[in-house]
Protein backbone atom coordinates (compact mmCIF):
# COMPACT_ATOMS: atom_id res chain seq x y z
CA MET A 1 -34.59 22.97 -37.78
CA LYS A 2 -30.97 22.50 -36.92
CA MET A 3 -29.06 25.21 -35.05
CA ARG A 4 -27.12 26.45 -38.12
CA GLY A 5 -30.52 26.71 -39.93
CA ILE A 6 -31.82 28.80 -36.99
CA LEU A 7 -28.77 31.14 -36.97
CA VAL A 8 -29.07 31.75 -40.77
CA TYR A 9 -32.88 32.29 -40.46
CA CYS A 10 -32.38 34.92 -37.76
CA LEU A 11 -29.57 36.71 -39.76
CA PHE A 12 -31.93 36.62 -42.70
CA VAL A 13 -34.97 38.01 -40.91
CA GLY A 14 -32.67 40.76 -39.46
CA MET A 15 -31.41 41.91 -42.80
CA SER A 16 -34.86 41.43 -44.48
CA SER A 17 -36.71 43.55 -41.71
CA MET A 18 -34.36 46.44 -42.38
CA TYR A 19 -35.08 46.14 -46.13
CA SER A 20 -38.90 45.84 -45.66
CA GLN A 21 -38.96 49.07 -43.46
CA ALA A 22 -37.03 50.96 -46.11
CA SER A 23 -39.44 49.79 -48.82
CA ASP A 24 -42.01 52.42 -48.23
CA SER A 25 -43.04 53.14 -51.79
CA ILE A 26 -45.02 50.97 -54.22
CA ARG A 27 -44.82 52.08 -58.02
CA ILE A 28 -47.84 51.09 -60.13
CA LYS A 29 -48.06 51.77 -63.82
CA GLU A 30 -50.72 50.83 -66.32
CA ASP A 31 -49.57 48.54 -69.02
CA LEU A 32 -52.47 46.51 -70.08
CA LEU A 33 -52.08 43.20 -71.78
CA TYR A 34 -55.81 42.52 -71.82
CA ASP A 35 -57.82 45.65 -72.75
CA LYS A 36 -61.46 44.49 -73.22
CA TYR A 37 -64.25 45.77 -70.67
CA THR A 38 -61.51 47.88 -68.94
CA LEU A 39 -62.78 49.74 -65.94
CA ASP A 40 -62.00 53.48 -65.18
CA ASP A 41 -60.37 54.08 -61.74
CA THR A 42 -63.76 55.43 -60.72
CA TYR A 43 -67.07 54.44 -62.13
CA LYS A 44 -70.79 54.10 -61.45
CA TYR A 45 -72.84 50.95 -60.89
CA ASP A 46 -76.56 52.03 -60.80
CA LYS A 47 -76.42 55.04 -58.49
CA GLU A 48 -73.40 53.87 -56.55
CA GLU A 49 -69.86 55.23 -56.95
CA ARG A 50 -67.34 52.61 -57.31
CA GLU A 51 -63.48 52.55 -57.65
CA ILE A 52 -60.38 50.45 -58.17
CA GLN A 53 -59.06 50.78 -54.60
CA TRP A 54 -55.56 51.72 -55.42
CA THR A 55 -54.76 52.53 -51.76
CA LYS A 56 -55.72 49.11 -50.66
CA ILE A 57 -53.87 47.46 -53.58
CA LYS A 58 -50.68 49.48 -52.78
CA GLU A 59 -51.06 48.33 -48.90
CA GLY A 60 -51.57 44.79 -50.04
CA LEU A 61 -48.38 44.78 -52.33
CA ARG A 62 -46.41 46.28 -49.43
CA ASN A 63 -47.72 43.51 -47.13
CA ILE A 64 -46.60 40.95 -49.68
CA ASP A 65 -43.23 42.48 -50.05
CA ASN A 66 -42.75 42.76 -46.37
CA PHE A 67 -43.83 39.01 -45.89
CA GLU A 68 -41.41 37.84 -48.42
CA HIS A 69 -38.61 39.81 -46.90
CA GLU A 70 -39.22 38.95 -43.47
CA TYR A 71 -39.14 35.00 -43.94
CA LEU A 72 -36.94 32.51 -45.79
CA ALA A 73 -39.21 29.65 -46.82
CA PHE A 74 -42.82 29.66 -48.14
CA GLY A 75 -45.85 27.42 -48.73
CA PHE A 76 -49.60 27.17 -48.51
CA LEU A 77 -52.30 25.45 -46.69
CA GLN A 78 -53.89 22.47 -48.38
CA ASN A 79 -56.95 20.36 -47.78
CA VAL A 80 -59.18 20.68 -50.97
CA LYS A 81 -62.25 18.28 -50.78
CA ASN A 82 -60.70 16.99 -47.50
CA THR A 83 -58.30 15.03 -49.40
CA ILE A 84 -55.56 15.44 -46.63
CA GLY A 85 -58.24 14.61 -43.98
CA LYS A 86 -61.07 16.33 -42.30
CA PRO A 87 -59.57 18.36 -39.33
CA PRO A 88 -60.68 17.77 -35.65
CA VAL A 89 -63.05 20.18 -34.31
CA THR A 90 -61.59 23.38 -32.73
CA LYS A 91 -61.90 24.34 -29.03
CA ASP A 92 -64.92 26.74 -29.49
CA PHE A 93 -66.47 25.18 -32.45
CA ILE A 94 -70.17 26.17 -33.57
CA LYS A 95 -72.61 23.89 -35.23
CA THR A 96 -74.89 25.79 -37.55
CA LYS A 97 -78.49 25.15 -38.18
CA TRP A 98 -77.34 23.62 -41.66
CA ASN A 99 -75.52 20.98 -39.52
CA TYR A 100 -72.03 21.97 -40.46
CA ILE A 101 -69.21 22.80 -38.09
CA THR A 102 -67.38 26.23 -38.04
CA ASP A 103 -64.55 27.57 -35.75
CA SER A 104 -65.17 30.56 -33.61
CA LEU A 105 -64.50 32.86 -36.60
CA GLY A 106 -66.84 31.13 -38.94
CA VAL A 107 -64.52 29.11 -41.06
CA ARG A 108 -66.08 25.81 -41.88
CA GLN A 109 -64.47 22.64 -40.83
CA SER A 110 -64.74 21.06 -44.28
CA GLN A 111 -61.55 21.64 -46.36
CA ALA A 112 -60.11 23.49 -43.41
CA ILE A 113 -56.60 23.15 -41.91
CA PRO A 114 -56.17 22.85 -38.08
CA LEU A 115 -54.11 25.68 -36.57
CA TYR A 116 -52.76 24.72 -32.99
CA ASP A 117 -51.62 27.25 -30.29
CA LEU A 118 -47.83 26.98 -29.67
CA ASN A 119 -48.40 25.70 -26.17
CA ASP A 120 -51.50 23.36 -26.69
CA LEU A 121 -51.46 20.47 -29.30
CA SER A 122 -54.37 18.83 -27.71
CA GLU A 123 -57.11 20.44 -30.05
CA PRO A 124 -56.93 23.21 -32.79
CA ALA A 125 -57.55 26.67 -31.78
CA ILE A 126 -58.99 27.70 -35.11
CA TYR A 127 -58.95 26.72 -38.86
CA GLY A 128 -56.84 27.95 -41.71
CA ARG A 129 -58.25 28.14 -45.22
CA ASP A 130 -57.10 26.02 -48.03
CA GLY A 131 -54.60 27.82 -50.20
CA ALA A 132 -53.50 30.50 -47.64
CA LEU A 133 -50.04 31.84 -48.20
CA ILE A 134 -47.76 30.89 -45.21
CA ALA A 135 -44.24 31.09 -44.07
CA ILE A 136 -42.51 28.06 -42.56
CA LEU A 137 -40.59 29.10 -39.64
CA SER A 138 -39.26 25.61 -38.29
CA ASP A 139 -40.25 21.99 -38.29
CA SER A 140 -40.24 19.20 -35.85
CA LEU A 141 -41.14 15.39 -36.57
CA ASP A 142 -44.78 15.90 -37.21
CA TYR A 143 -45.49 19.83 -37.31
CA TYR A 144 -44.35 22.90 -39.00
CA LYS A 145 -44.40 26.19 -37.03
CA ILE A 146 -45.80 28.74 -39.41
CA ALA A 147 -46.84 32.34 -39.91
CA ILE A 148 -49.93 33.21 -42.20
CA ALA A 149 -49.48 36.22 -44.57
CA SER A 150 -53.16 37.49 -43.90
CA LYS A 151 -53.46 36.57 -40.10
CA LYS A 152 -51.49 37.71 -37.06
CA GLY A 153 -49.80 35.07 -34.97
CA GLU A 154 -47.80 31.89 -35.11
CA TRP A 155 -49.23 28.21 -35.12
CA PHE A 156 -48.29 24.63 -35.21
CA VAL A 157 -49.71 22.68 -38.26
CA PRO A 158 -49.40 19.03 -39.15
CA LYS A 159 -47.00 18.69 -41.90
CA LYS A 160 -49.49 16.95 -44.11
CA TYR A 161 -51.49 20.05 -44.56
CA ILE A 162 -48.64 22.06 -45.82
CA PHE A 163 -47.43 22.53 -49.46
CA ASP A 164 -43.82 23.54 -49.12
CA LEU A 165 -42.73 25.97 -51.87
CA GLY A 166 -39.31 26.65 -50.43
CA PRO A 167 -37.81 30.14 -51.07
CA VAL A 168 -39.97 31.92 -53.66
CA HIS A 169 -40.76 35.28 -55.07
CA PHE A 170 -44.23 36.23 -56.32
CA ASP A 171 -44.11 38.64 -59.26
CA LYS A 172 -47.72 38.22 -60.25
CA VAL A 173 -50.77 39.10 -58.01
CA ILE A 174 -54.45 39.08 -58.83
CA PHE A 175 -56.52 41.54 -56.52
CA VAL A 176 -60.24 40.64 -56.15
CA ASP A 177 -62.34 43.40 -54.51
CA ARG A 178 -65.59 42.18 -53.03
CA LYS A 179 -66.90 45.64 -52.17
CA ASN A 180 -66.64 47.21 -55.73
CA GLN A 181 -66.91 43.80 -57.67
CA ASN A 182 -63.89 44.07 -59.62
CA ILE A 183 -60.49 42.27 -60.40
CA VAL A 184 -57.01 43.75 -61.12
CA THR A 185 -54.08 41.81 -62.32
CA LEU A 186 -50.51 43.18 -61.65
CA GLU A 187 -47.04 41.88 -62.64
CA TYR A 188 -43.69 43.02 -61.09
CA VAL A 189 -41.22 44.12 -63.72
CA ASP A 190 -38.12 46.20 -63.22
CA SER A 191 -39.13 47.48 -59.71
CA VAL A 192 -42.65 48.50 -61.02
CA TRP A 193 -46.00 46.79 -60.60
CA LEU A 194 -47.56 46.86 -64.05
CA VAL A 195 -51.43 46.75 -64.28
CA ARG A 196 -52.17 43.97 -66.90
CA SER A 197 -55.98 44.24 -66.59
CA LYS A 198 -58.78 45.93 -64.66
CA ASN A 199 -62.13 44.37 -65.08
CA PRO A 200 -65.65 43.75 -63.63
CA ALA A 201 -66.09 40.70 -61.74
CA THR A 202 -68.72 38.91 -59.52
CA THR A 203 -67.88 37.36 -56.23
CA GLY A 204 -69.53 34.80 -53.88
CA LEU A 205 -72.66 35.39 -52.10
CA ASP A 206 -72.97 34.57 -48.39
CA HIS A 207 -76.16 32.48 -48.58
CA PRO A 208 -75.92 29.06 -46.79
CA PRO A 209 -75.95 26.23 -47.27
CA TYR A 210 -74.90 26.16 -51.05
CA LYS A 211 -73.47 29.60 -51.45
CA GLU A 212 -70.54 31.08 -49.60
CA ALA A 213 -68.73 34.61 -49.73
CA THR A 214 -65.36 34.45 -51.59
CA PRO A 215 -63.04 34.49 -48.60
CA LEU A 216 -60.78 37.35 -47.79
CA GLY A 217 -57.05 36.88 -47.55
CA ILE A 218 -53.90 35.99 -49.65
CA TYR A 219 -53.96 32.88 -51.47
CA VAL A 220 -51.69 30.83 -53.76
CA LEU A 221 -53.03 29.78 -57.19
CA GLN A 222 -53.07 26.08 -56.98
CA HIS A 223 -54.76 24.41 -59.93
CA LYS A 224 -56.11 25.07 -63.39
CA LEU A 225 -59.05 23.47 -65.34
CA ALA A 226 -59.98 24.36 -68.94
CA LYS A 227 -63.56 23.38 -67.99
CA MET A 228 -64.57 23.06 -64.29
CA VAL A 229 -67.69 20.89 -64.10
CA TYR A 230 -70.13 21.85 -61.26
CA LEU A 231 -73.10 20.08 -59.83
CA LYS A 232 -76.68 21.36 -59.38
CA ASP A 233 -77.22 22.51 -55.76
CA GLY A 234 -77.92 19.58 -53.44
CA SER A 235 -77.60 16.93 -55.90
CA ASN A 236 -75.11 14.80 -57.87
CA GLU A 237 -76.50 15.96 -61.16
CA ILE A 238 -74.19 17.98 -63.49
CA GLY A 239 -75.38 21.56 -63.67
CA GLY A 240 -72.85 22.82 -66.25
CA TYR A 241 -69.15 24.14 -66.29
CA ALA A 242 -67.07 27.04 -65.80
CA PRO A 243 -64.49 27.74 -68.37
CA TYR A 244 -60.78 28.52 -67.78
CA ALA A 245 -60.97 28.05 -63.90
CA ILE A 246 -58.11 28.58 -61.62
CA ARG A 247 -58.47 27.51 -58.03
CA PHE A 248 -57.16 29.37 -55.10
CA SER A 249 -58.95 28.26 -52.03
CA ASP A 250 -61.47 25.38 -51.35
CA GLY A 251 -63.94 25.57 -54.07
CA ALA A 252 -63.08 29.04 -54.89
CA TYR A 253 -62.07 29.54 -58.57
CA ILE A 254 -61.52 32.55 -60.78
CA HIS A 255 -63.39 31.65 -64.08
CA GLY A 256 -65.28 32.69 -67.10
CA VAL A 257 -69.08 32.96 -67.48
CA PRO A 258 -70.77 29.67 -66.34
CA VAL A 259 -72.49 27.56 -68.95
CA ASN A 260 -75.66 25.78 -67.69
CA VAL A 261 -76.76 22.50 -69.13
CA PRO A 262 -78.13 21.77 -71.79
CA HIS A 263 -75.95 24.53 -73.31
CA THR A 264 -72.42 23.65 -74.21
CA GLU A 265 -70.89 26.67 -75.99
CA MET A 266 -69.01 29.18 -74.07
CA ILE A 267 -70.43 32.60 -73.19
CA GLU A 268 -68.29 35.63 -73.57
CA TYR A 269 -70.00 38.03 -71.11
CA SER A 270 -72.74 38.45 -68.73
CA SER A 271 -74.64 41.57 -67.73
CA THR A 272 -74.36 40.47 -64.12
CA LEU A 273 -70.62 40.83 -63.87
CA GLY A 274 -69.45 43.71 -61.68
CA THR A 275 -72.93 44.11 -60.08
CA THR A 276 -73.51 42.24 -56.80
CA PRO A 277 -72.21 38.89 -55.30
CA ARG A 278 -74.11 35.99 -56.61
CA SER A 279 -71.79 33.12 -57.17
CA HIS A 280 -71.20 30.12 -54.81
CA MET A 281 -67.66 31.12 -53.72
CA CYS A 282 -66.02 31.74 -57.12
CA VAL A 283 -64.95 34.95 -58.90
CA ARG A 284 -66.76 35.21 -62.27
CA ASN A 285 -65.23 37.11 -65.17
CA ALA A 286 -65.68 37.78 -68.93
CA THR A 287 -64.61 34.43 -70.51
CA SER A 288 -61.81 36.00 -72.42
CA HIS A 289 -60.48 37.71 -69.43
CA ALA A 290 -60.61 34.39 -67.58
CA LYS A 291 -58.74 32.86 -70.47
CA PHE A 292 -56.15 35.76 -70.14
CA ILE A 293 -55.55 34.99 -66.45
CA TYR A 294 -55.53 31.28 -67.19
CA ASP A 295 -52.72 31.60 -69.65
CA TRP A 296 -50.84 34.45 -67.80
CA ALA A 297 -50.86 33.14 -64.36
CA PRO A 298 -48.49 30.21 -63.30
CA VAL A 299 -49.67 27.71 -60.77
CA ASN A 300 -47.75 27.89 -57.33
CA ALA A 301 -46.24 31.23 -58.41
CA THR A 302 -49.28 33.64 -58.48
CA LEU A 303 -50.95 35.16 -55.60
CA VAL A 304 -54.75 35.92 -55.18
CA TYR A 305 -55.49 38.74 -52.85
CA VAL A 306 -59.06 39.23 -51.87
CA ILE A 307 -59.90 42.59 -50.34
CA GLU A 308 -63.20 44.22 -49.26
């Protein structure tokens, strides 16, 4: 980055830090655009008390607001299906009994992005996840210096792993709650976050080698498929499709009820929604709710915030 750019950036950060510190209230109002299967703010599953975690949602919205006002340019990490290139192993890598590699934090090497310490470009320190929201702080010939919205610290990342969004403001956010198995969509209108839907969902189950938990963090919605075809575990045979699928990280999609072969007609609802984690990594919804999100949420302009 040129010196002029650095000075402008510093002035922007100084002003925006003052703004974010003053922004100490988040206003949320219910104004549903989708009103089927709507959850109460507190409800029961079996004998368990569950809730919409409004406190965590407000904290998450404040985190996004502060991140947007602290930095000037944004983007996300990208390496779906290793199309950008399988990253090098990290310093303290782990090889699991299923013969895949992870970093010291358990993030798999496949579809990951190498994050380098600022003083050591010899090998990655840890991995970043595909789709993770970032701020671009500066650039050199081959690397961007970045900050990640859901992770402390700054890193160098090879430029090829970065999708540059430039200056951007996110006014649509989807919160996925792994603990309570629900999903809430919100839209920022006239200084208020409007709740557009609040529904049961089913997240990923941590059961290797084929199933993986839906990853925590803040992601940018990257891609849409009206029908996302999936394979049977451990084979190249088509297992079925998931309707109205939107991808936010690796193989993690928000989608409707899966349709297993030989069936072809869409299924509106499943009794397993809102119960316990059971998908491969994705977030299952009622199919009509998945279609609502599919139509409502623009690519590269919507955030998916996964909380516990």
